[in-house]
N, C-alpha and C. Protein backbone atom coordinates (compact mmCIF):
# COMPACT_ATOMS: atom_id res chain seq x y z
N MET A 1 -6.47 9.17 124.69
CA MET A 1 -5.34 8.28 124.93
C MET A 1 -4.57 8.73 126.17
N THR A 2 -3.94 7.77 126.81
CA THR A 2 -3.09 8.08 127.94
C THR A 2 -1.64 8.21 127.47
N SER A 3 -0.75 8.56 128.38
CA SER A 3 0.65 8.79 128.02
C SER A 3 1.32 7.61 127.33
N PRO A 4 1.13 6.36 127.80
CA PRO A 4 1.78 5.24 127.10
C PRO A 4 1.36 5.13 125.64
N GLU A 5 0.06 5.32 125.35
CA GLU A 5 -0.40 5.22 123.97
C GLU A 5 0.14 6.37 123.12
N HIS A 6 0.14 7.58 123.68
CA HIS A 6 0.71 8.72 122.94
C HIS A 6 2.17 8.46 122.61
N THR A 7 2.90 7.94 123.59
CA THR A 7 4.33 7.65 123.39
C THR A 7 4.53 6.64 122.28
N LEU A 8 3.75 5.57 122.30
CA LEU A 8 3.89 4.51 121.31
C LEU A 8 3.50 4.99 119.91
N VAL A 9 2.50 5.85 119.82
CA VAL A 9 2.15 6.41 118.51
C VAL A 9 3.32 7.20 117.95
N GLY A 10 3.95 8.02 118.79
CA GLY A 10 5.10 8.79 118.34
C GLY A 10 6.24 7.90 117.89
N ILE A 11 6.53 6.85 118.66
CA ILE A 11 7.61 5.93 118.31
C ILE A 11 7.31 5.20 117.01
N HIS A 12 6.10 4.66 116.89
CA HIS A 12 5.75 3.91 115.68
C HIS A 12 5.81 4.79 114.43
N CYS A 13 5.35 6.02 114.54
CA CYS A 13 5.39 6.92 113.38
C CYS A 13 6.84 7.22 112.99
N ALA A 14 7.69 7.45 113.98
CA ALA A 14 9.10 7.72 113.68
C ALA A 14 9.77 6.52 113.04
N LEU A 15 9.49 5.32 113.55
CA LEU A 15 10.08 4.11 113.00
C LEU A 15 9.52 3.80 111.61
N ALA A 16 8.24 4.06 111.42
CA ALA A 16 7.60 3.74 110.14
C ALA A 16 8.21 4.53 108.99
N VAL A 17 8.59 5.79 109.26
CA VAL A 17 9.18 6.61 108.19
C VAL A 17 10.70 6.49 108.13
N GLY A 18 11.27 5.67 109.02
CA GLY A 18 12.70 5.39 108.97
C GLY A 18 13.59 6.45 109.58
N LEU A 19 13.10 7.21 110.55
CA LEU A 19 13.93 8.23 111.17
C LEU A 19 15.15 7.63 111.86
N HIS A 20 15.00 6.42 112.40
CA HIS A 20 16.12 5.79 113.10
C HIS A 20 17.28 5.51 112.15
N ARG A 21 16.99 5.29 110.88
CA ARG A 21 18.05 5.05 109.90
C ARG A 21 18.61 6.37 109.35
N LEU A 22 17.74 7.34 109.13
CA LEU A 22 18.15 8.59 108.51
C LEU A 22 18.86 9.53 109.48
N CYS A 23 18.34 9.61 110.69
CA CYS A 23 18.81 10.64 111.63
C CYS A 23 19.29 10.10 112.97
N GLY A 24 19.21 8.80 113.20
CA GLY A 24 19.66 8.25 114.47
C GLY A 24 18.54 8.07 115.47
N TRP A 25 18.85 7.31 116.53
CA TRP A 25 17.83 6.94 117.50
C TRP A 25 17.32 8.13 118.32
N ARG A 26 18.12 9.21 118.42
CA ARG A 26 17.66 10.36 119.21
C ARG A 26 16.40 10.99 118.62
N THR A 27 16.23 10.92 117.33
CA THR A 27 15.03 11.49 116.72
C THR A 27 13.79 10.68 117.09
N VAL A 28 13.95 9.36 117.25
CA VAL A 28 12.83 8.53 117.69
C VAL A 28 12.48 8.87 119.14
N ALA A 29 13.51 9.07 119.96
CA ALA A 29 13.27 9.47 121.35
C ALA A 29 12.59 10.83 121.41
N MET A 30 12.97 11.75 120.52
CA MET A 30 12.33 13.05 120.48
C MET A 30 10.85 12.92 120.15
N ALA A 31 10.53 12.06 119.20
CA ALA A 31 9.12 11.84 118.85
C ALA A 31 8.35 11.28 120.04
N ALA A 32 8.97 10.39 120.79
CA ALA A 32 8.31 9.80 121.95
C ALA A 32 8.03 10.84 123.03
N VAL A 33 9.02 11.70 123.29
CA VAL A 33 8.86 12.73 124.32
C VAL A 33 7.84 13.78 123.89
N ALA A 34 8.01 14.28 122.67
CA ALA A 34 7.14 15.37 122.20
C ALA A 34 5.70 14.93 122.04
N SER A 35 5.47 13.65 121.79
CA SER A 35 4.10 13.18 121.60
C SER A 35 3.27 13.30 122.88
N ASN A 36 3.92 13.52 124.02
CA ASN A 36 3.21 13.70 125.29
C ASN A 36 3.15 15.15 125.74
N LEU A 37 3.94 16.00 125.13
CA LEU A 37 4.14 17.36 125.65
C LEU A 37 2.86 18.20 125.75
N PRO A 38 1.92 18.10 124.80
CA PRO A 38 0.72 18.96 124.93
C PRO A 38 -0.04 18.78 126.24
N ASP A 39 0.14 17.65 126.90
CA ASP A 39 -0.59 17.41 128.15
C ASP A 39 0.01 18.13 129.34
N TRP A 40 0.99 19.02 129.09
CA TRP A 40 1.50 19.81 130.21
C TRP A 40 0.40 20.67 130.80
N ASP A 41 -0.62 20.96 129.99
CA ASP A 41 -1.70 21.80 130.51
C ASP A 41 -2.58 21.06 131.52
N GLY A 42 -2.28 19.80 131.79
CA GLY A 42 -3.00 19.06 132.82
C GLY A 42 -2.34 19.15 134.18
N VAL A 43 -1.16 19.79 134.25
CA VAL A 43 -0.44 19.91 135.52
C VAL A 43 -1.25 20.62 136.61
N PRO A 44 -2.05 21.66 136.28
CA PRO A 44 -2.84 22.32 137.34
C PRO A 44 -3.75 21.37 138.11
N MET A 45 -4.04 20.20 137.55
CA MET A 45 -4.87 19.22 138.25
C MET A 45 -4.24 18.84 139.59
N LEU A 46 -2.92 18.90 139.69
CA LEU A 46 -2.23 18.53 140.92
C LEU A 46 -2.44 19.56 142.02
N VAL A 47 -2.88 20.76 141.62
CA VAL A 47 -3.05 21.86 142.58
C VAL A 47 -4.51 22.22 142.78
N ASP A 48 -5.23 22.39 141.67
CA ASP A 48 -6.61 22.88 141.75
C ASP A 48 -7.40 22.39 140.55
N MET A 49 -8.39 21.53 140.78
CA MET A 49 -9.20 20.99 139.69
C MET A 49 -9.99 22.07 138.97
N GLN A 50 -10.29 23.17 139.65
CA GLN A 50 -11.03 24.25 139.01
C GLN A 50 -10.20 24.90 137.91
N ARG A 51 -8.88 24.92 138.07
CA ARG A 51 -8.01 25.48 137.05
C ARG A 51 -7.71 24.46 135.97
N PHE A 52 -7.85 23.18 136.31
CA PHE A 52 -7.54 22.13 135.34
C PHE A 52 -8.52 22.10 134.19
N HIS A 53 -9.80 22.18 134.48
CA HIS A 53 -10.83 22.01 133.45
C HIS A 53 -10.78 23.05 132.34
N PRO A 54 -10.65 24.33 132.63
CA PRO A 54 -10.62 25.30 131.52
C PRO A 54 -9.32 25.29 130.73
N GLY A 55 -8.24 24.79 131.34
CA GLY A 55 -6.94 24.85 130.67
C GLY A 55 -6.56 23.61 129.91
N HIS A 56 -7.02 22.44 130.38
CA HIS A 56 -6.61 21.20 129.72
C HIS A 56 -7.20 21.10 128.33
N ARG A 57 -6.39 20.64 127.39
CA ARG A 57 -6.72 20.55 125.97
C ARG A 57 -6.94 21.93 125.34
N ALA A 58 -6.39 22.95 125.99
CA ALA A 58 -6.42 24.31 125.43
C ALA A 58 -5.03 24.91 125.48
N TRP A 59 -4.51 25.14 126.70
CA TRP A 59 -3.23 25.82 126.83
C TRP A 59 -2.09 25.09 126.11
N GLY A 60 -2.00 23.80 126.29
CA GLY A 60 -0.92 23.04 125.67
C GLY A 60 -1.25 22.46 124.32
N HIS A 61 -2.53 22.55 123.93
CA HIS A 61 -2.99 21.95 122.68
C HIS A 61 -3.19 22.96 121.56
N GLY A 62 -2.84 24.22 121.82
CA GLY A 62 -2.95 25.24 120.79
C GLY A 62 -1.74 25.23 119.86
N VAL A 63 -1.94 25.64 118.63
CA VAL A 63 -0.87 25.64 117.64
C VAL A 63 0.31 26.49 118.09
N LEU A 64 0.05 27.63 118.70
CA LEU A 64 1.13 28.51 119.17
C LEU A 64 1.98 27.80 120.21
N SER A 65 1.31 27.12 121.15
CA SER A 65 2.04 26.38 122.19
C SER A 65 2.87 25.26 121.58
N LEU A 66 2.30 24.56 120.60
CA LEU A 66 3.02 23.47 119.94
C LEU A 66 4.28 23.98 119.24
N LEU A 67 4.16 25.11 118.56
CA LEU A 67 5.29 25.66 117.84
C LEU A 67 6.40 26.11 118.79
N LEU A 68 6.03 26.81 119.85
CA LEU A 68 7.03 27.28 120.81
C LEU A 68 7.71 26.10 121.50
N ALA A 69 6.92 25.09 121.88
CA ALA A 69 7.49 23.92 122.54
C ALA A 69 8.44 23.17 121.61
N ALA A 70 8.08 23.07 120.34
CA ALA A 70 8.93 22.38 119.36
C ALA A 70 10.27 23.09 119.21
N LEU A 71 10.24 24.42 119.13
CA LEU A 71 11.47 25.18 118.99
C LEU A 71 12.36 25.04 120.22
N VAL A 72 11.74 25.05 121.40
CA VAL A 72 12.52 24.88 122.63
C VAL A 72 13.15 23.50 122.69
N LEU A 73 12.37 22.46 122.38
CA LEU A 73 12.90 21.10 122.39
C LEU A 73 14.03 20.94 121.38
N GLY A 74 13.82 21.46 120.17
CA GLY A 74 14.84 21.34 119.14
C GLY A 74 16.13 22.05 119.50
N TRP A 75 16.03 23.27 120.02
CA TRP A 75 17.21 24.04 120.36
C TRP A 75 17.96 23.43 121.54
N THR A 76 17.22 23.05 122.60
CA THR A 76 17.89 22.49 123.77
C THR A 76 18.54 21.15 123.46
N GLN A 77 17.92 20.33 122.61
CA GLN A 77 18.51 19.06 122.25
C GLN A 77 19.81 19.25 121.47
N THR A 78 19.79 20.17 120.52
CA THR A 78 21.01 20.43 119.74
C THR A 78 22.09 21.07 120.60
N ARG A 79 21.67 21.91 121.52
CA ARG A 79 22.64 22.64 122.36
C ARG A 79 23.24 21.75 123.44
N TRP A 80 22.42 20.93 124.11
CA TRP A 80 22.91 20.16 125.26
C TRP A 80 22.77 18.64 125.12
N ASP A 81 22.14 18.17 124.06
CA ASP A 81 21.95 16.73 123.86
C ASP A 81 21.39 16.06 125.11
N TRP A 82 20.27 16.57 125.62
CA TRP A 82 19.70 16.01 126.83
C TRP A 82 19.19 14.58 126.62
N ILE A 83 18.84 14.22 125.39
CA ILE A 83 18.42 12.84 125.13
C ILE A 83 19.61 11.90 125.30
N GLY A 84 20.76 12.27 124.73
CA GLY A 84 21.96 11.46 124.87
C GLY A 84 22.40 11.35 126.31
N LYS A 85 22.33 12.46 127.06
CA LYS A 85 22.72 12.45 128.47
C LYS A 85 21.79 11.56 129.28
N ALA A 86 20.49 11.59 128.98
CA ALA A 86 19.54 10.73 129.68
C ALA A 86 19.84 9.26 129.39
N ALA A 87 20.21 8.96 128.14
CA ALA A 87 20.55 7.58 127.78
C ALA A 87 21.81 7.13 128.50
N ASP A 88 22.83 8.00 128.56
CA ASP A 88 24.06 7.66 129.27
C ASP A 88 23.78 7.40 130.75
N TRP A 89 22.93 8.23 131.34
CA TRP A 89 22.58 8.07 132.76
C TRP A 89 21.91 6.72 133.01
N SER A 90 20.98 6.34 132.12
CA SER A 90 20.28 5.08 132.30
C SER A 90 21.19 3.88 132.04
N HIS A 91 22.09 4.01 131.06
CA HIS A 91 23.01 2.92 130.74
C HIS A 91 23.94 2.61 131.90
N ARG A 92 24.34 3.63 132.63
CA ARG A 92 25.25 3.41 133.76
C ARG A 92 24.59 2.63 134.88
N ARG A 93 23.24 2.56 134.85
CA ARG A 93 22.52 1.87 135.91
C ARG A 93 21.95 0.53 135.48
N LEU A 94 22.28 0.12 134.25
CA LEU A 94 21.85 -1.19 133.76
C LEU A 94 22.93 -2.23 134.05
N PRO A 95 22.55 -3.52 134.11
CA PRO A 95 23.56 -4.56 134.25
C PRO A 95 24.59 -4.47 133.13
N ASN A 96 25.82 -4.86 133.43
CA ASN A 96 26.90 -4.76 132.45
C ASN A 96 26.56 -5.41 131.13
N ALA A 97 25.86 -6.54 131.17
CA ALA A 97 25.56 -7.28 129.94
C ALA A 97 24.62 -6.51 129.03
N MET A 98 23.92 -5.51 129.58
CA MET A 98 22.93 -4.80 128.80
C MET A 98 23.43 -3.43 128.35
N ARG A 99 24.63 -3.09 128.73
CA ARG A 99 25.13 -1.76 128.36
C ARG A 99 25.53 -1.72 126.90
N ASN A 100 25.16 -0.65 126.26
CA ASN A 100 25.55 -0.41 124.87
C ASN A 100 25.94 1.06 124.73
N GLU A 101 26.95 1.31 123.92
CA GLU A 101 27.35 2.69 123.67
C GLU A 101 26.32 3.35 122.77
N PRO A 102 25.68 4.44 123.21
CA PRO A 102 24.68 5.09 122.37
C PRO A 102 25.25 5.49 121.01
N SER A 103 24.53 5.21 119.95
CA SER A 103 24.99 5.56 118.61
C SER A 103 25.02 7.07 118.45
N ARG A 104 25.93 7.55 117.63
CA ARG A 104 26.04 8.99 117.40
C ARG A 104 25.09 9.43 116.30
N ASN A 105 24.71 10.70 116.36
CA ASN A 105 23.88 11.26 115.31
C ASN A 105 24.73 11.48 114.05
N PRO A 106 24.10 11.56 112.88
CA PRO A 106 24.85 11.93 111.67
C PRO A 106 25.55 13.26 111.88
N ALA A 107 26.70 13.43 111.23
CA ALA A 107 27.51 14.64 111.43
C ALA A 107 26.76 15.92 111.08
N TRP A 108 25.79 15.83 110.16
CA TRP A 108 25.10 17.04 109.72
C TRP A 108 24.01 17.48 110.69
N LEU A 109 23.69 16.64 111.68
CA LEU A 109 22.59 16.94 112.58
C LEU A 109 23.08 17.79 113.75
N VAL A 110 23.61 18.95 113.43
CA VAL A 110 24.14 19.87 114.44
C VAL A 110 23.72 21.29 114.08
N GLY A 111 23.96 22.21 115.01
CA GLY A 111 23.69 23.61 114.76
C GLY A 111 22.25 23.90 114.39
N SER A 112 22.06 24.87 113.50
CA SER A 112 20.71 25.28 113.12
C SER A 112 19.97 24.17 112.37
N VAL A 113 20.71 23.37 111.60
CA VAL A 113 20.07 22.26 110.89
C VAL A 113 19.52 21.25 111.88
N GLY A 114 20.31 20.89 112.88
CA GLY A 114 19.86 19.96 113.90
C GLY A 114 18.65 20.49 114.66
N THR A 115 18.70 21.79 114.97
CA THR A 115 17.57 22.41 115.68
C THR A 115 16.29 22.30 114.87
N LEU A 116 16.37 22.60 113.58
CA LEU A 116 15.19 22.54 112.72
C LEU A 116 14.67 21.11 112.58
N VAL A 117 15.58 20.14 112.47
CA VAL A 117 15.16 18.74 112.34
C VAL A 117 14.45 18.28 113.60
N PHE A 118 15.08 18.50 114.75
CA PHE A 118 14.46 18.07 116.01
C PHE A 118 13.17 18.83 116.28
N ALA A 119 13.15 20.13 115.97
CA ALA A 119 11.94 20.92 116.17
C ALA A 119 10.82 20.44 115.25
N GLY A 120 11.17 20.11 114.01
CA GLY A 120 10.15 19.61 113.09
C GLY A 120 9.56 18.30 113.56
N ILE A 121 10.40 17.41 114.06
CA ILE A 121 9.91 16.13 114.58
C ILE A 121 9.02 16.36 115.78
N ALA A 122 9.44 17.28 116.67
CA ALA A 122 8.64 17.57 117.85
C ALA A 122 7.28 18.17 117.48
N LEU A 123 7.26 19.03 116.46
CA LEU A 123 6.01 19.65 116.04
C LEU A 123 5.05 18.61 115.46
N VAL A 124 5.56 17.72 114.61
CA VAL A 124 4.71 16.67 114.03
C VAL A 124 4.19 15.74 115.12
N ALA A 125 5.06 15.36 116.05
CA ALA A 125 4.65 14.45 117.12
C ALA A 125 3.55 15.07 117.98
N GLN A 126 3.67 16.36 118.26
CA GLN A 126 2.63 17.04 119.03
C GLN A 126 1.32 17.13 118.22
N GLY A 127 1.46 17.32 116.91
CA GLY A 127 0.27 17.33 116.07
C GLY A 127 -0.45 16.00 116.09
N LEU A 128 0.31 14.91 116.12
CA LEU A 128 -0.29 13.58 116.22
C LEU A 128 -1.03 13.42 117.55
N HIS A 129 -0.48 14.04 118.59
CA HIS A 129 -1.16 14.01 119.89
C HIS A 129 -2.56 14.62 119.78
N LEU A 130 -2.65 15.75 119.09
CA LEU A 130 -3.95 16.40 118.92
C LEU A 130 -4.92 15.52 118.15
N VAL A 131 -4.44 14.88 117.09
CA VAL A 131 -5.29 13.99 116.31
C VAL A 131 -5.81 12.84 117.18
N CYS A 132 -4.91 12.25 117.96
CA CYS A 132 -5.31 11.14 118.83
C CYS A 132 -6.35 11.59 119.86
N ASP A 133 -6.16 12.79 120.42
CA ASP A 133 -7.12 13.30 121.41
C ASP A 133 -8.49 13.54 120.78
N MET A 134 -8.52 13.91 119.52
CA MET A 134 -9.80 14.19 118.87
C MET A 134 -10.57 12.91 118.55
N VAL A 135 -9.86 11.84 118.19
CA VAL A 135 -10.55 10.61 117.76
C VAL A 135 -10.77 9.63 118.90
N VAL A 136 -10.07 9.81 120.03
CA VAL A 136 -10.29 8.97 121.21
C VAL A 136 -10.88 9.85 122.29
N SER A 137 -12.16 9.72 122.53
CA SER A 137 -12.82 10.64 123.45
C SER A 137 -14.15 10.05 123.92
N GLY A 138 -14.60 10.54 125.06
CA GLY A 138 -15.90 10.12 125.57
C GLY A 138 -15.90 8.71 126.14
N GLY A 139 -17.09 8.20 126.40
CA GLY A 139 -17.24 6.87 126.98
C GLY A 139 -18.34 6.85 128.01
N ARG A 140 -18.44 5.76 128.75
CA ARG A 140 -19.47 5.63 129.76
C ARG A 140 -19.31 6.68 130.85
N GLY A 141 -20.31 7.52 130.98
CA GLY A 141 -20.27 8.55 132.00
C GLY A 141 -19.34 9.70 131.69
N LEU A 142 -18.72 9.70 130.50
CA LEU A 142 -17.78 10.75 130.13
C LEU A 142 -18.28 11.49 128.90
N THR A 143 -18.12 12.79 128.89
CA THR A 143 -18.48 13.58 127.72
C THR A 143 -17.28 13.66 126.78
N ASP A 144 -17.54 14.00 125.53
CA ASP A 144 -16.45 14.18 124.57
C ASP A 144 -15.67 15.44 124.95
N TRP A 145 -14.36 15.30 125.10
CA TRP A 145 -13.52 16.40 125.55
C TRP A 145 -12.80 16.98 124.35
N ALA A 146 -13.33 18.06 123.82
CA ALA A 146 -12.79 18.66 122.60
C ALA A 146 -11.49 19.42 122.89
N ILE A 147 -10.67 19.56 121.85
CA ILE A 147 -9.45 20.35 121.96
C ILE A 147 -9.67 21.72 121.33
N GLN A 148 -8.83 22.68 121.73
CA GLN A 148 -8.92 24.04 121.20
C GLN A 148 -7.61 24.37 120.48
N PRO A 149 -7.47 23.96 119.23
CA PRO A 149 -6.19 24.09 118.53
C PRO A 149 -5.75 25.53 118.23
N LEU A 150 -6.69 26.48 118.24
CA LEU A 150 -6.33 27.87 117.93
C LEU A 150 -6.24 28.74 119.18
N TRP A 151 -6.28 28.12 120.37
CA TRP A 151 -6.12 28.89 121.61
C TRP A 151 -4.74 29.54 121.60
N PRO A 152 -4.58 30.80 122.03
CA PRO A 152 -5.56 31.69 122.67
C PRO A 152 -6.31 32.60 121.71
N PHE A 153 -6.13 32.42 120.41
CA PHE A 153 -6.77 33.30 119.44
C PHE A 153 -8.25 32.97 119.25
N SER A 154 -8.60 31.72 119.52
CA SER A 154 -9.99 31.29 119.36
C SER A 154 -10.27 30.16 120.34
N HIS A 155 -11.50 30.13 120.84
CA HIS A 155 -11.91 29.06 121.75
C HIS A 155 -12.72 27.99 121.03
N ALA A 156 -12.69 28.01 119.70
CA ALA A 156 -13.38 26.99 118.92
C ALA A 156 -12.80 25.62 119.27
N ALA A 157 -13.68 24.66 119.57
CA ALA A 157 -13.25 23.33 120.02
C ALA A 157 -13.66 22.28 119.00
N HIS A 158 -12.83 21.24 118.88
CA HIS A 158 -13.07 20.21 117.88
C HIS A 158 -12.87 18.83 118.48
N VAL A 159 -13.74 17.90 118.12
CA VAL A 159 -13.60 16.51 118.53
C VAL A 159 -14.34 15.63 117.55
N TYR A 160 -13.74 14.50 117.18
CA TYR A 160 -14.36 13.55 116.24
C TYR A 160 -14.21 12.14 116.80
N PRO A 161 -14.96 11.83 117.87
CA PRO A 161 -14.76 10.58 118.59
C PRO A 161 -15.05 9.34 117.75
N LEU A 162 -14.05 8.48 117.66
CA LEU A 162 -14.20 7.18 117.01
C LEU A 162 -14.16 6.05 118.03
N VAL A 163 -13.31 6.22 119.03
CA VAL A 163 -13.12 5.19 120.07
C VAL A 163 -13.27 5.85 121.43
N HIS A 164 -13.93 5.17 122.36
CA HIS A 164 -14.09 5.70 123.71
C HIS A 164 -12.76 5.74 124.44
N TRP A 165 -12.60 6.75 125.28
CA TRP A 165 -11.43 6.85 126.12
C TRP A 165 -11.38 5.63 127.06
N GLY A 166 -10.23 5.00 127.15
CA GLY A 166 -10.10 3.81 127.99
C GLY A 166 -10.27 2.51 127.23
N ASP A 167 -10.62 2.57 125.94
CA ASP A 167 -10.72 1.35 125.13
C ASP A 167 -9.36 0.67 125.09
N VAL A 168 -9.33 -0.62 125.42
CA VAL A 168 -8.06 -1.34 125.53
C VAL A 168 -7.48 -1.72 124.17
N GLY A 169 -8.29 -1.67 123.11
CA GLY A 169 -7.84 -2.08 121.78
C GLY A 169 -6.59 -1.36 121.29
N PRO A 170 -6.58 -0.01 121.27
CA PRO A 170 -5.38 0.71 120.82
C PRO A 170 -4.14 0.36 121.62
N THR A 171 -4.31 0.17 122.93
CA THR A 171 -3.16 -0.18 123.77
C THR A 171 -2.57 -1.51 123.36
N LEU A 172 -3.42 -2.51 123.16
CA LEU A 172 -2.95 -3.85 122.79
C LEU A 172 -2.28 -3.83 121.42
N ILE A 173 -2.87 -3.11 120.48
CA ILE A 173 -2.31 -3.04 119.12
C ILE A 173 -0.93 -2.39 119.14
N LEU A 174 -0.82 -1.25 119.83
CA LEU A 174 0.44 -0.53 119.87
C LEU A 174 1.52 -1.33 120.61
N MET A 175 1.14 -1.99 121.71
CA MET A 175 2.11 -2.78 122.46
C MET A 175 2.56 -4.00 121.66
N ALA A 176 1.63 -4.65 120.99
CA ALA A 176 1.99 -5.81 120.17
C ALA A 176 2.96 -5.38 119.07
N GLY A 177 2.72 -4.22 118.48
CA GLY A 177 3.60 -3.72 117.43
C GLY A 177 5.00 -3.46 117.93
N ILE A 178 5.14 -2.87 119.12
CA ILE A 178 6.47 -2.55 119.63
C ILE A 178 7.22 -3.81 120.03
N ILE A 179 6.51 -4.80 120.52
CA ILE A 179 7.14 -6.08 120.86
C ILE A 179 7.65 -6.78 119.61
N LEU A 180 6.85 -6.78 118.56
CA LEU A 180 7.27 -7.39 117.29
C LEU A 180 8.45 -6.63 116.69
N ALA A 181 8.43 -5.30 116.80
CA ALA A 181 9.53 -4.50 116.27
C ALA A 181 10.83 -4.82 116.99
N ALA A 182 10.75 -5.03 118.30
CA ALA A 182 11.95 -5.38 119.07
C ALA A 182 12.43 -6.79 118.73
N LYS A 183 11.50 -7.68 118.41
CA LYS A 183 11.85 -9.06 118.10
C LYS A 183 12.43 -9.20 116.70
N TYR A 184 11.96 -8.38 115.79
CA TYR A 184 12.42 -8.45 114.39
C TYR A 184 12.95 -7.08 113.95
N PRO A 185 14.11 -6.68 114.45
CA PRO A 185 14.62 -5.33 114.18
C PRO A 185 14.89 -5.04 112.71
N ARG A 186 15.13 -6.06 111.91
CA ARG A 186 15.38 -5.82 110.49
C ARG A 186 14.13 -5.35 109.76
N HIS A 187 12.97 -5.59 110.33
CA HIS A 187 11.71 -5.23 109.68
C HIS A 187 10.94 -4.18 110.50
N VAL A 188 11.67 -3.41 111.30
CA VAL A 188 11.01 -2.51 112.25
C VAL A 188 10.12 -1.49 111.55
N SER A 189 10.55 -0.94 110.44
CA SER A 189 9.74 0.09 109.76
C SER A 189 8.44 -0.51 109.22
N LYS A 190 8.53 -1.69 108.64
CA LYS A 190 7.33 -2.34 108.10
C LYS A 190 6.37 -2.71 109.22
N ILE A 191 6.92 -3.20 110.33
CA ILE A 191 6.07 -3.59 111.46
C ILE A 191 5.36 -2.38 112.05
N SER A 192 6.09 -1.27 112.22
CA SER A 192 5.47 -0.06 112.77
C SER A 192 4.41 0.50 111.83
N ALA A 193 4.70 0.49 110.53
CA ALA A 193 3.71 0.97 109.56
C ALA A 193 2.46 0.10 109.60
N LEU A 194 2.65 -1.21 109.65
CA LEU A 194 1.50 -2.12 109.72
C LEU A 194 0.72 -1.91 111.02
N THR A 195 1.44 -1.67 112.11
CA THR A 195 0.78 -1.41 113.39
C THR A 195 -0.14 -0.20 113.30
N LEU A 196 0.34 0.86 112.68
CA LEU A 196 -0.47 2.08 112.55
C LEU A 196 -1.67 1.85 111.63
N ILE A 197 -1.49 1.05 110.59
CA ILE A 197 -2.61 0.73 109.69
C ILE A 197 -3.67 -0.06 110.44
N VAL A 198 -3.24 -1.05 111.21
CA VAL A 198 -4.18 -1.86 112.00
C VAL A 198 -4.89 -0.98 113.02
N LEU A 199 -4.16 -0.06 113.65
CA LEU A 199 -4.76 0.84 114.63
C LEU A 199 -5.86 1.69 113.99
N CYS A 200 -5.56 2.26 112.83
CA CYS A 200 -6.57 3.08 112.13
C CYS A 200 -7.78 2.24 111.74
N GLY A 201 -7.52 1.02 111.25
CA GLY A 201 -8.61 0.14 110.88
C GLY A 201 -9.48 -0.22 112.07
N TYR A 202 -8.85 -0.48 113.20
CA TYR A 202 -9.59 -0.80 114.41
C TYR A 202 -10.51 0.36 114.82
N MET A 203 -9.98 1.57 114.75
CA MET A 203 -10.78 2.73 115.14
C MET A 203 -11.97 2.93 114.22
N ILE A 204 -11.75 2.71 112.94
CA ILE A 204 -12.85 2.87 111.98
C ILE A 204 -13.93 1.83 112.23
N VAL A 205 -13.53 0.60 112.49
CA VAL A 205 -14.49 -0.47 112.76
C VAL A 205 -15.24 -0.19 114.06
N ARG A 206 -14.52 0.22 115.09
CA ARG A 206 -15.16 0.48 116.38
C ARG A 206 -16.11 1.67 116.32
N SER A 207 -15.83 2.61 115.42
CA SER A 207 -16.69 3.79 115.34
C SER A 207 -18.07 3.43 114.82
């Protein structure tokens, strides 16, 4: 999957379990951001492709990396509310008719509790990234690109390809789901849950 699909999977999962109602919209944003984070190990591609191949789907896709990244995201969000600040920055640049005051988090979502909540969401979202990478792989002229979840302790690699990389089906399903969720906000959790069910069904059929 590419970044847009990873982002949408994170958002749909957060909406499906009702995080937006329980903990506020910042937790959904956290799921969206964290669902892309394991791909930081692809940054060396911008400098040297020789360094990209051994590190991608290893350095950022290992359980240790996921845990450390989750703790950093959780702590920095609770400490500085960078999600809220990013929202405020974007709102100031939207037309007046589209500006909305960002909703506040529940009062209990602060301190160590807030850190653990945001870190937990980030950890689950990154775990979903790994699952998506394992089931969406390979294709015409492409080999299956396995992940190394126990790096650096083990180089054992895993992949269970169901859908070829670049298949447009998951993209269309996820985008249709987010459009419907925006159109019918009262049923957002049901729509997101149904979207994920349809996505899983599509992958099984395509496999």
